[in-house]
Amino acid sequence: GWRCGWRSRGDGAMQAMSTKGLKDAVQNAAKEFLSFVDKGVSPYHVVEECKRQLCSAGFQELKEIDHWDPKPASKYYMTRNYSTIIAFAVGGKYKPGNGFSMIGAHTDSPCLRVKLRSKKSQVGYQQVGVECYGGGIWNTWFDRDLTMAGRVLVKNGDKVEHRLINVADPVLRIPHLAIHLQREINDNFGPNKETHLVPIIATAVQEELELGVKSTGNACDAGQMSEKHHPVLLNLLCTQLGVNVDHIIDFELCLADTQPGALGGVFKEFIFAPRLDNLHSCYCALQALIESSKEGGTLADDINIRVVSLFDNEEVGSESAQGARSSLIELILRRLSSSSQNLTAFEEAMPKSFLISADMAHAVHPNYTEKHEENHRPALHKGPVIKFNSNQRYASNAVTTAIVREIANRVDVPLQDVMVRNDSPCGTTIGPILASGLGLKVLDIGSPQLAMHSIREMCCTSSVLQTVTLFKSLLKPCLSGRHSCLCDRIPEI
């Protein structure tokens, strides 16, 4: 399984490895990715881990409010809302008007999020009101050991601090109703998202015994933070952060499964983990940028700027200040293109640029093969999947596909294709948003996975190394503007 996805040619990069060496490389890449997933329990934690890795690789942080003066052969990153991050490496031979080699993905995943007023009580149970974020498979959230993670805004003197929190213990649970009380459960289970998806955090009697307070009713008329949420919840946050409750201004918390990701299957060929959609793409894009921009590499000879953009809020339409529909990426690219000697540098750069829209793809399911179009059934281990849709739900076209197929062939990474059935709805990505908003060449691609939007998803170990290998090659100078070996030969679009 781990080997069958690599091409059998003898001159490729992957073929240079021995069988054991390739297997070890696949396993190591998968394990490192699992560490990233386990740390990325919320979009804020994803960005924090990206920042840590970028700083370790020599990238410098820039602030939107400051003046920028990026230098050739230098590396930078910026964030917005602490949940979107854009990192870029300036080619050593870059000049305003040259292109951008870009990869885009998203930091958010479907989850339950704590409501603004979460205090709920029922028959002696203290519960936390939550809101459904995105299109999750919500019945998979039942009977899981859940926790909370996200950001808390804390008052510190006359300043407000952004503090991350990730409670390690399983403090929440949404228990199923016993089959004896719903005999039809195995025939049809569709929970009411308002009344059934309410996690339990404690019993009222234990809260009173432990904290000495009696919390009843709801938060309909609450005015203070201490009235909006149960004392047990606020006490947990205060203990984790080492602050008093009156220092907490507000928070944004995601529920998450405490079970870490794991390698699975008898041959350890699978990855079982939460948030594969789309932390897999985020991780691979990040590693590709870091590895392709190391000192002594190809960055010094690049005429382009290499960009990785990891946006928030894709799962809910990208319509936010930190989403792909915002002006953020255009503003950043304009700042990087800015030149007093060339007032149309940005406009010249767009037709020379290329973007990979990286988002996970649906592998064919052995128990539901009829859900895939018969000639388009992506499989695990057989490489990243190029996504096509004539109705422009994906941005791939013949031109962008030709570029990526040529690059993939050079580095021996196999590719697959997918199109949905005519009687099935088609999802979408940030690809069409950025293609239409910026007017550049875009290809939609993603690694195949099963159980997308479940609380626990599944993909194959080989997909991590395959995707990183492909993305590294796509960022290198071969795609740089009109002077590249490929873009010179493709038509204008």
Foldseek 3Di string as FASTA:
>chain_A
DLPPQFDPDCPFPLNVDDPVRSVVVLVVLLVVLLVLQLQLQFLLSNLVVLVVVCVVLQADEDEPVDADDDAALHKYKYDDPSRKIKIKGHFQQAAQQWAEQEEEAASHAWFWKFDQQQFDDDPQFTWGFTDTAFDFPVVLQAPFQKDKWFWFWFDDPPDTDTDTDDDLGSQKHQYDDDCVVPVCCVVDDDDDCGPRPIITRGGQVVCCVVVVDGDDDTQPPPDDPPSRHDPVVLVVVCVRVVHDSVRTDGIIMTMAGNDGWAQDDPVSFKIKHFCVWPSLSVVLLSLLNSVQSHPPHQRHVARHMYMYIHFYDFSPPQPDCRGLLHCVVVVVLCSVSDDPVDPCSLVSHAALYEYEHETADAAQDPVCNVQFDPVAHHHASNAKEWEDDPVPLAQDDPQNVVVLVVLCVNNRRGYGYGDGDPPDDDHHGSHSSCCVVRVHHYTYIYAHWPSGSRSITMGTSSHSVSSSSSSNSSRGRCSIGCPHPRVVPTDGD
